[in-house]
Structures are given as structure tokens and as C-alpha cells.
Amino acid sequence: MNRRRFLQSSLAATALAGVAPRLFSASRPSGRPPRVLLRNSWQSVNIGDIGHTPGALRLFEEHFPEAELILWPGQLGHGSRDMLVKGFPRLRIVEGSVDANGKPTTPELAKAWAETDVYVSGSGSGFPAHAHAVAFRKATGKPVGVFAVSTDPISGFGGNRDPEGGTLNDLRRRALALPPTHLAADLRYILNEASFMFCRDTISLEYLRNQQIKAPVLEFGPDSQLGMHLRDDAKGYAYLRDNGIEDGRFICVIPRVRYTPYHHMRGATTLTDSDRQKDAINERTNEQDLSKLREMMIAYVRATGGKVMTCPEMTYQIETAKQYLIDPLPADVKKNVVWRNTYWLPDEAASIYTKALAVISADCHSPLIAYRVGTPAIYLRQPTDTCKGQMYRDFGADRWMLEVDETNGAELWSRVEEIHRDPTRARAQVETIMTGVRRLQKRMVDAVRVAAGAA
């Protein structure tokens, strides 16, 4: 773990009183509760994007219980709306977008803008829907803040970005070599106007500091998925029983390809140049990446006799697991593997993860769900998955974060074997991680409280 960075971020939680006078805060009418408008739920084909929202809402309930919570969602499909309504019965959900003049497109959204005290943009990559935050700030003059996002200036497509990405060390070096004028003007405007900006990884944080962002609170803050408390034990435990999976005698494995094939998921008939380039990268790397997970699965089953459950973080990964993780397995191993052939919600995933020995994932958020319920988890990071994976080093899980291009199946199995040999010690390490995370989470909500004029 990078202890220096983690301690610096943790100690910042004690400094709120000194920072508070510089925060842009709301002028709230007396006699009514403070109101928070959360812009989140970016998509529902990914249980990580679903889980960000209940994670943030739970943190507000814990540390800002008097606040009225309003959610302005992107997408609430795949049953995620029902999950939120059940888990947060007092939550108000408003729909709508922003027109060409920067105004809300629905009466309910306009009412929310008028009534809220602070706009909070929830966890995601690259400050999702930042144009809506700009419109809100310009239209209302009310405080805006950002609740744990990544801002990767290197990976991806367009401009001078690199479609191949890089290791975290490489991304940090390249991000910090950029000139201080690199950040796009619209992002610079809203981040300079923001009351707080919490980056979920320190590469994003150091990049924005080098860009001389003026938000009075610019700090590391963990991804809000780590706050999600929702569970569906009835459904999750029934699935384990129906598939003959014993408590503590199985691992969960989540595959990922280097670029999510959104164009295929949406049934696109015409491909762009970037679509074709993403397909080429995936075709070149799928087997070399996912064979490492498969080799780890073989070693685990043969060494322990336990079971493996393959499961998705995103909808497309159901078939990816079958093609790359299960179908090529030798018969003696395949009989111990359960293929989860349906999508699920993060509450059911959390319930199943509570019973697993460990979760091993090539996607970023499944391990966070596992940590929240006390289960050890390993993240196998691909070079195209932005700089967000740095969060694992930042909150103390560096032993459980491996760069896929710098490891192999045997090394991955050695990390899983450590957990298998001493699961009690591994779970204690998860609790150490979460103790530090909880301190930082309170700091984040304290910043929201100040911006809402409720400090």
C-alpha cells in the first residue's frame, strides 16, 4: 500500500473546520431539512454503475441523516429502480434532461433544481454528465460537488489519447507530464466552480492538482460502491443451494474484455473507426488476458476441490465467461464450475459474495462489492481500464491488484492460495481496508453537508 498517500487523505478528514469557510455553500431557508440532488445511476448494464447510487445514498443516510435525498438518474433498468425504491423508501426520483438552453426538460426536474441545496455528481469515469452540472450551476448559482470520480487524460480514443492505455505507473507518469493547460475548458470551468471534488484515485487527483484546479476541497475519496449496504439474501442463498455451492468452498470469477463492446450490445449495424479498433484490440487480447483467469481456476479446483462460480459485472460477460473461462476447461475441472447464465443486481451479488472464499475479477467494481461485505477480492487490471484501478493501491489493497500484462495464471493463483491458506487473516485485511475507507467516506459527506449549508 502507498501508506503516505493513504495517510495524507485520511488525515485530511480532520481538517474540515479549517477548509469549511472557503467552501461555496448554499443559503438554505431555515425551518426545512437540507436537500441533496444526486446525479447518478449512469447505466444499468453494469452492476457497478447500479451500485454507485445505493452506495452514495447509504453514506448520506449514515452521515447526513436529516437531508432529503433526490435522485436524478441516467438509467434505471434491469430492476434497479425497484431495488432503490425498496431500499430507500423516502427517496424522491426525478426524470428529465437539459435542453439546448441549459434548462430542465421536465417540470419535476425543474422543481428539483429549484428546491435542492446542492448538486452532487456521483461516482463514474471522467465526470459523467458534467455538462448538466455546468447547466445547473449557471442556472441556479447553487453549489456543485463531485463524489468520487476518475479523470484519466491518457487512455481511450480521440485527441492524443492512447487506445492501448497502459499500466498505472505509466499512466501516472504520462498524466503528470501534461502541461497545466491540458484540461478541457468546460471541465476546468465546473471544477473551478465546484465546492468539492473527490477523486477516487490519486492519479486523477495529482493530474487535477497539476492542472491547478481551484475547488477548495480537492482530495482522494473512495468510490461510492464501497458504501452499498443492500443485500438480497433470499435470492442469493437460494441460488447457492440450488447449485450445490457450499459456504466458503467456492470462488467467484468475473471476466472482462479490454473494451466493453457497447456497439454490439446495442445492435449497431454501422461501425465507427473506433468501434473497429476496439474490436481488434479485444480480438488480439481476449485469450491472453482471460487464459490467466482460467489457469487460476484450474489450479484452485485441483488444489482444493472447491467450486468456481463465473458471474457477470456487465451483461455481455455472461457469454464471455462461457466462451473463454468454461468451454476450454478440462473435464475434471469443468464439473466443479457453475456458469451464472443470467444477469443480476448488486444486492444479490453482495449476498453471494458474503459466502465466497474470494472474488477474483477483471472488472473493477465486483471486488468493491466484496470488500463491503467483508470478503477478500483480487482485481486483475487491464491496461485499457482507465486509471481508476489506482484506487486499490490508494486504500490499501495493493497486494490484491495485479496488472494483467505483468502477471500470469500461476502468480494469480498464488494470491488466491494465500487467501485459501488463511481466510481469517485475509478477512482481517479487508476490515483494515474498510476501516480506512469509512473514515474517508465520512469526510466526503461532511463536505456535502457544508456545501448544503448544514454544517
Protein backbone atom coordinates (compact mmCIF):
# COMPACT_ATOMS: atom_id res chain seq x y z
CA MET A 1 0.00 0.00 0.00
CA ASN A 2 1.13 3.56 -0.65
CA ARG A 3 0.83 4.39 3.04
CA ARG A 4 1.94 8.01 2.66
CA ARG A 5 -0.84 8.89 0.22
CA PHE A 6 -3.44 6.98 2.22
CA LEU A 7 -2.50 8.67 5.47
CA GLN A 8 -2.49 12.09 3.84
CA SER A 9 -6.02 11.52 2.61
CA SER A 10 -7.16 10.11 5.95
CA LEU A 11 -5.67 13.00 7.91
CA ALA A 12 -7.48 15.43 5.63
CA ALA A 13 -10.68 14.30 7.30
CA THR A 14 -9.61 16.19 10.42
CA ALA A 15 -9.13 19.45 8.57
CA LEU A 16 -12.73 20.23 7.57
CA ALA A 17 -13.13 23.04 10.07
CA GLY A 18 -10.20 24.90 8.53
CA VAL A 19 -11.42 24.35 4.98
CA ALA A 20 -15.12 24.98 5.52
CA PRO A 21 -15.04 28.80 5.35
CA ARG A 22 -13.69 28.59 1.79
CA LEU A 23 -16.41 26.24 0.55
CA PHE A 24 -19.14 27.52 -1.72
CA SER A 25 -22.23 26.77 0.37
CA ALA A 26 -25.96 27.11 -0.09
CA SER A 27 -28.15 29.73 1.53
CA ARG A 28 -30.85 27.42 2.86
CA PRO A 29 -34.16 28.70 4.21
CA SER A 30 -34.46 27.99 7.90
CA GLY A 31 -37.05 25.55 9.14
CA ARG A 32 -36.71 22.88 6.45
CA PRO A 33 -34.30 19.96 6.04
CA PRO A 34 -31.32 20.33 3.68
CA ARG A 35 -31.82 18.78 0.26
CA VAL A 36 -29.28 16.92 -1.86
CA LEU A 37 -29.73 16.27 -5.58
CA LEU A 38 -27.66 13.23 -6.58
CA ARG A 39 -26.91 12.81 -10.30
CA ASN A 40 -26.02 9.13 -10.69
CA SER A 41 -27.20 5.72 -11.99
CA TRP A 42 -25.33 6.19 -15.26
CA GLN A 43 -26.32 2.86 -16.76
CA SER A 44 -27.85 -0.45 -15.72
CA VAL A 45 -25.91 -2.94 -17.84
CA ASN A 46 -23.18 -2.83 -15.18
CA ILE A 47 -23.83 -3.70 -11.54
CA GLY A 48 -21.01 -1.35 -10.57
CA ASP A 49 -22.82 1.60 -12.14
CA ILE A 50 -26.02 0.43 -10.46
CA GLY A 51 -24.26 0.05 -7.11
CA HIS A 52 -22.75 3.55 -7.07
CA THR A 53 -26.15 5.03 -6.33
CA PRO A 54 -27.22 3.00 -3.28
CA GLY A 55 -23.65 3.36 -2.03
CA ALA A 56 -23.83 7.15 -2.09
CA LEU A 57 -27.39 7.20 -0.71
CA ARG A 58 -26.37 4.96 2.18
CA LEU A 59 -23.46 7.24 3.06
CA PHE A 60 -25.81 10.23 3.12
CA GLU A 61 -28.21 8.32 5.37
CA GLU A 62 -25.39 7.42 7.76
CA HIS A 63 -23.60 10.76 7.97
CA PHE A 64 -26.24 13.30 6.87
CA PRO A 65 -29.47 11.68 8.11
CA GLU A 66 -31.50 14.88 8.22
CA ALA A 67 -31.05 15.51 4.48
CA GLU A 68 -33.82 14.92 1.98
CA LEU A 69 -32.42 12.92 -0.94
CA ILE A 70 -33.39 13.40 -4.57
CA LEU A 71 -32.02 11.17 -7.32
CA TRP A 72 -31.69 12.36 -10.91
CA PRO A 73 -30.84 9.09 -12.68
CA GLY A 74 -29.36 8.29 -16.06
CA GLN A 75 -30.84 4.80 -16.48
CA LEU A 76 -32.77 2.66 -14.00
CA GLY A 77 -33.26 -0.53 -15.98
CA HIS A 78 -32.82 -4.23 -15.19
CA GLY A 79 -34.81 -3.91 -11.95
CA SER A 80 -32.54 -1.28 -10.43
CA ARG A 81 -35.41 1.18 -9.90
CA ASP A 82 -37.35 -1.34 -7.80
CA MET A 83 -34.20 -2.13 -5.81
CA LEU A 84 -33.69 1.56 -4.97
CA VAL A 85 -37.33 2.22 -4.10
CA LYS A 86 -37.35 -0.78 -1.78
CA GLY A 87 -34.01 0.06 -0.20
CA PHE A 88 -34.67 3.81 0.16
CA PRO A 89 -38.42 4.35 0.62
CA ARG A 90 -38.02 8.09 1.30
CA LEU A 91 -36.03 8.65 -1.90
CA ARG A 92 -37.51 11.01 -4.48
CA ILE A 93 -36.63 10.19 -8.10
CA VAL A 94 -36.90 12.85 -10.80
CA GLU A 95 -36.56 12.29 -14.54
CA GLY A 96 -35.52 14.64 -17.32
CA SER A 97 -32.59 16.10 -19.18
CA VAL A 98 -31.23 19.53 -20.12
CA ASP A 99 -32.20 21.36 -23.30
CA ALA A 100 -30.01 23.41 -25.64
CA ASN A 101 -30.53 26.46 -23.44
CA GLY A 102 -29.30 24.69 -20.32
CA LYS A 103 -32.77 24.33 -18.80
CA PRO A 104 -34.52 21.24 -17.36
CA THR A 105 -36.78 19.46 -19.83
CA THR A 106 -39.39 18.33 -17.30
CA PRO A 107 -41.37 20.12 -14.59
CA GLU A 108 -40.26 17.61 -11.95
CA LEU A 109 -36.58 18.21 -12.72
CA ALA A 110 -37.08 21.99 -12.74
CA LYS A 111 -38.74 21.70 -9.32
CA ALA A 112 -35.81 19.65 -8.02
CA TRP A 113 -33.33 22.27 -9.25
CA ALA A 114 -35.34 24.98 -7.52
CA GLU A 115 -35.66 23.11 -4.23
CA THR A 116 -32.27 21.45 -3.77
CA ASP A 117 -29.40 22.98 -1.83
CA VAL A 118 -26.51 21.16 -3.52
CA TYR A 119 -25.93 19.14 -6.70
CA VAL A 120 -23.73 16.07 -6.22
CA SER A 121 -22.37 14.18 -9.23
CA GLY A 122 -21.86 10.56 -8.24
CA SER A 123 -19.07 8.06 -8.93
CA GLY A 124 -18.12 7.30 -12.52
CA SER A 125 -15.36 7.71 -15.08
CA GLY A 126 -14.49 11.16 -16.36
CA PHE A 127 -17.15 13.18 -14.51
CA PRO A 128 -20.24 11.79 -16.31
CA ALA A 129 -22.85 14.33 -17.44
CA HIS A 130 -20.60 17.21 -16.44
CA ALA A 131 -22.49 19.42 -18.90
CA HIS A 132 -25.56 19.01 -16.70
CA ALA A 133 -23.57 20.16 -13.68
CA VAL A 134 -22.45 23.19 -15.68
CA ALA A 135 -26.05 23.97 -16.62
CA PHE A 136 -27.24 23.59 -13.03
CA ARG A 137 -24.52 25.86 -11.68
CA LYS A 138 -25.15 28.57 -14.28
CA ALA A 139 -28.93 28.43 -13.93
CA THR A 140 -29.17 28.33 -10.13
CA GLY A 141 -25.88 29.60 -8.73
CA LYS A 142 -26.11 26.78 -6.17
CA PRO A 143 -23.19 24.61 -5.04
CA VAL A 144 -21.99 21.70 -7.15
CA GLY A 145 -19.70 18.91 -6.00
CA VAL A 146 -18.23 15.67 -7.30
CA PHE A 147 -18.43 12.46 -5.29
CA ALA A 148 -15.52 10.19 -6.25
CA VAL A 149 -14.77 10.04 -9.98
CA SER A 150 -11.75 9.26 -12.14
CA THR A 151 -10.30 11.70 -14.65
CA ASP A 152 -7.92 9.78 -16.91
CA PRO A 153 -6.31 12.10 -19.51
CA ILE A 154 -4.37 9.33 -21.28
CA SER A 155 -6.49 6.25 -22.05
CA GLY A 156 -9.15 6.00 -24.74
CA PHE A 157 -9.95 7.47 -28.12
CA GLY A 158 -9.88 10.94 -29.64
CA GLY A 159 -7.36 13.74 -29.47
CA ASN A 160 -4.00 12.49 -28.29
CA ARG A 161 -5.39 9.65 -26.18
CA ASP A 162 -3.87 6.19 -26.31
CA PRO A 163 -6.30 3.35 -27.17
CA GLU A 164 -3.88 0.81 -25.71
CA GLY A 165 -3.85 2.52 -22.29
CA GLY A 166 -1.02 1.50 -20.00
CA THR A 167 -0.03 0.29 -16.57
CA LEU A 168 -0.96 2.51 -13.65
CA ASN A 169 2.65 3.58 -13.22
CA ASP A 170 2.80 4.50 -16.89
CA LEU A 171 -0.50 6.41 -16.78
CA ARG A 172 0.66 8.38 -13.75
CA ARG A 173 3.95 9.34 -15.41
CA ARG A 174 2.26 10.42 -18.62
CA ALA A 175 -0.59 12.28 -16.90
CA LEU A 176 1.78 14.31 -14.76
CA ALA A 177 3.91 15.22 -17.78
CA LEU A 178 0.99 17.05 -19.44
CA PRO A 179 1.06 20.85 -19.47
CA PRO A 180 -1.08 22.65 -16.86
CA THR A 181 -3.34 23.92 -19.66
CA HIS A 182 -4.30 20.40 -20.79
CA LEU A 183 -7.72 20.08 -19.10
CA ALA A 184 -10.68 20.88 -21.39
CA ALA A 185 -12.25 24.29 -20.81
CA ASP A 186 -15.72 23.03 -19.83
CA LEU A 187 -14.31 20.65 -17.23
CA ARG A 188 -11.99 23.33 -15.92
CA TYR A 189 -14.92 25.72 -15.51
CA ILE A 190 -17.10 23.38 -13.45
CA LEU A 191 -14.22 22.00 -11.35
CA ASN A 192 -13.11 25.55 -10.53
CA GLU A 193 -16.71 26.33 -9.56
CA ALA A 194 -17.15 23.12 -7.54
CA SER A 195 -17.40 23.22 -3.76
CA PHE A 196 -15.63 19.87 -3.60
CA MET A 197 -14.01 17.40 -5.95
CA PHE A 198 -13.27 13.93 -4.62
CA CYS A 199 -11.17 11.77 -6.94
CA ARG A 200 -11.49 8.04 -6.46
CA ASP A 201 -7.84 7.52 -7.39
CA THR A 202 -4.69 9.54 -6.79
CA ILE A 203 -3.62 9.59 -10.44
CA SER A 204 -6.72 11.67 -11.18
CA LEU A 205 -6.07 13.73 -8.07
CA GLU A 206 -2.46 14.54 -8.94
CA TYR A 207 -3.37 15.30 -12.54
CA LEU A 208 -6.05 17.81 -11.46
CA ARG A 209 -3.71 19.39 -8.94
CA ASN A 210 -1.16 19.82 -11.73
CA GLN A 211 -3.92 21.40 -13.79
CA GLN A 212 -4.29 23.95 -10.96
CA ILE A 213 -7.97 23.27 -10.28
CA LYS A 214 -9.34 25.74 -7.75
CA ALA A 215 -12.03 23.70 -5.99
CA PRO A 216 -11.49 24.41 -2.27
CA VAL A 217 -11.71 20.68 -1.49
CA LEU A 218 -9.72 18.56 -3.97
CA GLU A 219 -8.94 15.21 -2.35
CA PHE A 220 -8.96 11.44 -2.63
CA GLY A 221 -12.32 9.87 -1.82
CA PRO A 222 -13.24 6.20 -2.30
CA ASP A 223 -15.68 5.03 -4.98
CA SER A 224 -19.22 5.14 -3.61
CA GLN A 225 -19.74 1.45 -4.43
CA LEU A 226 -17.87 0.80 -1.19
CA GLY A 227 -20.83 2.29 0.69
CA MET A 228 -23.52 -0.03 -0.71
CA HIS A 229 -25.26 -1.98 2.05
CA LEU A 230 -28.11 -3.60 0.09
CA ARG A 231 -28.40 -7.38 0.12
CA ASP A 232 -30.81 -9.97 -1.28
CA ASP A 233 -30.00 -12.94 0.90
CA ALA A 234 -33.15 -14.86 -0.02
CA LYS A 235 -32.36 -14.86 -3.72
CA GLY A 236 -28.59 -15.20 -3.36
CA TYR A 237 -28.59 -18.02 -0.85
CA ALA A 238 -31.27 -19.90 -2.82
CA TYR A 239 -29.03 -19.73 -5.90
CA LEU A 240 -26.15 -21.23 -3.94
CA ARG A 241 -28.32 -24.03 -2.57
CA ASP A 242 -29.80 -24.82 -5.97
CA ASN A 243 -26.32 -25.15 -7.47
CA GLY A 244 -24.77 -27.16 -4.66
CA ILE A 245 -22.33 -24.42 -3.69
CA GLU A 246 -21.06 -24.61 -0.09
CA ASP A 247 -20.23 -21.62 2.11
CA GLY A 248 -16.54 -20.74 1.94
CA ARG A 249 -15.84 -23.51 -0.56
CA PHE A 250 -16.05 -21.51 -3.75
CA ILE A 251 -14.62 -18.51 -5.53
CA CYS A 252 -16.41 -16.08 -7.85
CA VAL A 253 -14.66 -15.16 -11.11
CA ILE A 254 -15.63 -12.24 -13.34
CA PRO A 255 -14.14 -11.85 -16.85
CA ARG A 256 -13.76 -8.64 -18.85
CA VAL A 257 -12.58 -7.75 -22.34
CA ARG A 258 -10.39 -4.68 -22.79
CA TYR A 259 -13.15 -2.62 -24.38
CA THR A 260 -16.80 -3.09 -23.47
CA PRO A 261 -18.50 -3.93 -26.81
CA TYR A 262 -21.27 -1.36 -26.46
CA HIS A 263 -21.71 -1.18 -30.24
CA HIS A 264 -22.51 -4.89 -30.38
CA MET A 265 -24.63 -4.77 -27.22
CA ARG A 266 -26.75 -2.06 -28.84
CA GLY A 267 -27.01 -3.89 -32.14
CA ALA A 268 -25.19 -1.26 -34.18
CA THR A 269 -25.29 -2.00 -37.91
CA THR A 270 -22.67 0.57 -38.85
CA LEU A 271 -19.34 0.59 -37.04
CA THR A 272 -17.14 3.61 -36.50
CA ASP A 273 -13.37 3.54 -36.82
CA SER A 274 -13.08 3.44 -33.04
CA ASP A 275 -15.55 0.53 -32.88
CA ARG A 276 -13.39 -1.43 -35.29
CA GLN A 277 -10.25 -0.56 -33.38
CA LYS A 278 -11.85 -1.72 -30.11
CA ASP A 279 -12.86 -4.99 -31.74
CA ALA A 280 -9.30 -5.50 -32.99
CA ILE A 281 -7.81 -4.88 -29.55
CA ASN A 282 -10.28 -7.30 -27.96
CA GLU A 283 -9.68 -9.99 -30.55
CA ARG A 284 -5.92 -9.68 -30.04
CA THR A 285 -6.02 -9.77 -26.23
CA ASN A 286 -9.07 -11.73 -25.06
CA GLU A 287 -7.40 -15.11 -24.90
CA GLN A 288 -4.09 -13.88 -23.49
CA ASP A 289 -5.91 -11.98 -20.71
CA LEU A 290 -8.65 -14.45 -19.82
CA SER A 291 -6.44 -17.54 -20.02
CA LYS A 292 -4.80 -16.25 -16.82
CA LEU A 293 -8.12 -16.38 -15.01
CA ARG A 294 -8.77 -19.82 -16.48
CA GLU A 295 -5.38 -21.13 -15.35
CA MET A 296 -6.06 -19.82 -11.85
CA MET A 297 -9.44 -21.61 -11.84
CA ILE A 298 -7.81 -24.90 -12.83
CA ALA A 299 -5.21 -24.59 -10.09
CA TYR A 300 -7.84 -23.70 -7.48
CA VAL A 301 -10.14 -26.62 -8.29
CA ARG A 302 -7.32 -29.18 -8.46
CA ALA A 303 -5.67 -27.96 -5.25
CA THR A 304 -8.79 -27.52 -3.12
CA GLY A 305 -11.66 -29.47 -4.66
CA GLY A 306 -13.74 -26.33 -4.31
CA LYS A 307 -16.14 -24.84 -6.82
CA VAL A 308 -15.89 -21.85 -9.11
CA MET A 309 -18.84 -19.64 -9.96
CA THR A 310 -18.40 -17.45 -13.02
CA CYS A 311 -20.61 -14.38 -12.88
CA PRO A 312 -21.05 -11.03 -14.63
CA GLU A 313 -20.40 -7.45 -13.66
CA MET A 314 -21.75 -6.45 -17.08
CA THR A 315 -24.39 -8.16 -19.18
CA TYR A 316 -22.05 -9.20 -22.00
CA GLN A 317 -19.76 -11.05 -19.59
CA ILE A 318 -22.21 -13.94 -19.24
CA GLU A 319 -21.25 -15.24 -22.67
CA THR A 320 -17.63 -14.14 -22.29
CA ALA A 321 -17.32 -16.39 -19.23
CA LYS A 322 -18.67 -19.38 -21.11
CA GLN A 323 -16.50 -18.85 -24.19
CA TYR A 324 -13.19 -18.07 -22.52
CA LEU A 325 -13.36 -19.42 -18.98
CA ILE A 326 -15.55 -22.53 -19.09
CA ASP A 327 -15.69 -24.12 -22.53
CA PRO A 328 -11.88 -24.67 -22.79
CA LEU A 329 -11.61 -26.25 -19.31
CA PRO A 330 -10.52 -29.88 -18.85
CA ALA A 331 -13.35 -32.19 -17.81
CA ASP A 332 -12.06 -32.78 -14.26
CA VAL A 333 -12.24 -29.03 -13.57
CA LYS A 334 -15.34 -28.16 -15.59
CA LYS A 335 -17.55 -30.34 -13.39
CA ASN A 336 -16.74 -28.03 -10.46
CA VAL A 337 -17.65 -24.83 -12.30
CA VAL A 338 -21.05 -23.16 -12.13
CA TRP A 339 -21.88 -20.81 -15.00
CA ARG A 340 -24.11 -17.97 -13.90
CA ASN A 341 -26.11 -17.61 -17.12
CA THR A 342 -28.34 -14.71 -16.06
CA TYR A 343 -27.67 -11.09 -15.17
CA TRP A 344 -28.24 -9.93 -11.60
CA LEU A 345 -28.34 -6.88 -9.38
CA PRO A 346 -25.61 -5.82 -6.93
CA ASP A 347 -27.72 -6.72 -3.89
CA GLU A 348 -27.82 -10.39 -4.90
CA ALA A 349 -24.15 -10.29 -5.86
CA ALA A 350 -23.32 -8.92 -2.40
CA SER A 351 -25.24 -11.75 -0.72
CA ILE A 352 -23.42 -14.42 -2.73
CA TYR A 353 -20.05 -12.75 -2.18
CA THR A 354 -20.55 -12.96 1.60
CA LYS A 355 -20.33 -16.74 1.31
CA ALA A 356 -17.39 -16.89 -1.12
CA LEU A 357 -13.80 -17.59 -0.17
CA ALA A 358 -12.79 -14.81 -2.55
CA VAL A 359 -13.85 -12.82 -5.59
CA ILE A 360 -11.40 -12.57 -8.50
CA SER A 361 -12.41 -10.06 -11.13
CA ALA A 362 -11.07 -8.47 -14.29
CA ASP A 363 -13.71 -5.77 -13.84
CA CYS A 364 -13.20 -3.06 -11.25
CA HIS A 365 -16.32 -2.93 -9.08
CA SER A 366 -17.09 -6.52 -8.14
CA PRO A 367 -14.16 -6.57 -5.67
CA LEU A 368 -15.56 -3.38 -4.10
CA ILE A 369 -18.90 -5.12 -3.51
CA ALA A 370 -16.95 -7.97 -1.91
CA TYR A 371 -14.91 -5.70 0.38
CA ARG A 372 -18.08 -4.00 1.64
CA VAL A 373 -19.39 -7.39 2.87
CA GLY A 374 -16.01 -8.47 4.28
CA THR A 375 -14.87 -10.86 1.55
CA PRO A 376 -11.30 -10.80 0.12
CA ALA A 377 -11.10 -9.92 -3.56
CA ILE A 378 -8.48 -9.57 -6.27
CA TYR A 379 -8.64 -7.15 -9.19
CA LEU A 380 -6.88 -8.22 -12.40
CA ARG A 381 -6.43 -4.88 -14.13
CA GLN A 382 -6.28 -4.46 -17.91
CA PRO A 383 -4.34 -1.51 -19.40
CA THR A 384 -7.42 -0.01 -21.10
CA ASP A 385 -9.48 0.18 -17.89
CA THR A 386 -8.50 3.81 -17.16
CA CYS A 387 -6.58 4.93 -14.10
CA LYS A 388 -9.39 4.06 -11.67
CA GLY A 389 -7.62 0.85 -10.61
CA GLN A 390 -5.14 3.03 -8.71
CA MET A 391 -7.82 3.20 -6.01
CA TYR A 392 -6.79 -0.29 -4.88
CA ARG A 393 -3.31 0.92 -4.05
CA ASP A 394 -4.71 4.10 -2.52
CA PHE A 395 -6.96 2.36 0.02
CA GLY A 396 -4.55 -0.42 0.87
CA ALA A 397 -5.38 -3.38 -1.39
CA ASP A 398 -2.21 -3.24 -3.49
CA ARG A 399 -1.43 -6.91 -2.75
CA TRP A 400 -4.77 -7.76 -4.35
CA MET A 401 -4.36 -5.69 -7.52
CA LEU A 402 -2.42 -7.23 -10.41
CA GLU A 403 -1.65 -5.76 -13.83
CA VAL A 404 -2.73 -8.36 -16.38
CA ASP A 405 0.27 -7.68 -18.63
CA GLU A 406 2.69 -8.13 -15.73
CA THR A 407 1.37 -11.37 -14.27
CA ASN A 408 0.37 -14.91 -15.21
CA GLY A 409 -2.04 -17.59 -14.08
CA ALA A 410 0.42 -19.07 -11.59
CA GLU A 411 1.00 -15.72 -9.89
CA LEU A 412 -2.73 -15.07 -9.75
CA TRP A 413 -3.28 -18.48 -8.18
CA SER A 414 -0.55 -17.76 -5.61
CA ARG A 415 -2.55 -14.74 -4.37
CA VAL A 416 -5.74 -16.80 -4.20
CA GLU A 417 -3.83 -19.60 -2.45
CA GLU A 418 -2.73 -17.15 0.27
CA ILE A 419 -6.39 -16.38 0.96
CA HIS A 420 -7.27 -20.09 0.92
CA ARG A 421 -4.49 -20.93 3.40
CA ASP A 422 -5.52 -18.28 5.92
CA PRO A 423 -9.00 -16.90 5.21
CA THR A 424 -9.25 -15.39 8.70
CA ARG A 425 -6.18 -13.27 8.11
CA ALA A 426 -7.45 -12.26 4.66
CA ARG A 427 -10.79 -11.15 6.08
CA ALA A 428 -8.98 -9.16 8.75
CA GLN A 429 -7.11 -7.38 5.97
CA VAL A 430 -10.44 -6.49 4.36
CA GLU A 431 -11.60 -4.99 7.65
CA THR A 432 -8.41 -2.93 7.87
CA ILE A 433 -9.07 -1.62 4.36
CA MET A 434 -12.69 -0.80 5.16
CA THR A 435 -11.79 0.97 8.42
CA GLY A 436 -9.72 3.46 6.46
CA VAL A 437 -12.38 3.74 3.75
CA ARG A 438 -15.08 4.54 6.31
CA ARG A 439 -13.06 7.47 7.68
CA LEU A 440 -12.74 8.91 4.20
CA GLN A 441 -16.41 8.35 3.44
CA LYS A 442 -17.42 10.46 6.41
CA ARG A 443 -15.09 13.21 5.23
CA MET A 444 -16.79 13.16 1.83
CA VAL A 445 -20.26 13.51 3.29
CA ASP A 446 -19.07 16.25 5.65
CA ALA A 447 -18.10 18.25 2.55
CA VAL A 448 -21.60 17.74 1.13
CA ARG A 449 -23.10 18.87 4.44
CA VAL A 450 -21.06 22.09 4.41
CA ALA A 451 -21.93 22.83 0.78
CA ALA A 452 -25.61 22.34 1.58
CA GLY A 453 -25.36 24.97 4.32
CA ALA A 454 -25.99 22.43 7.07
CA ALA A 455 -22.63 22.38 8.85
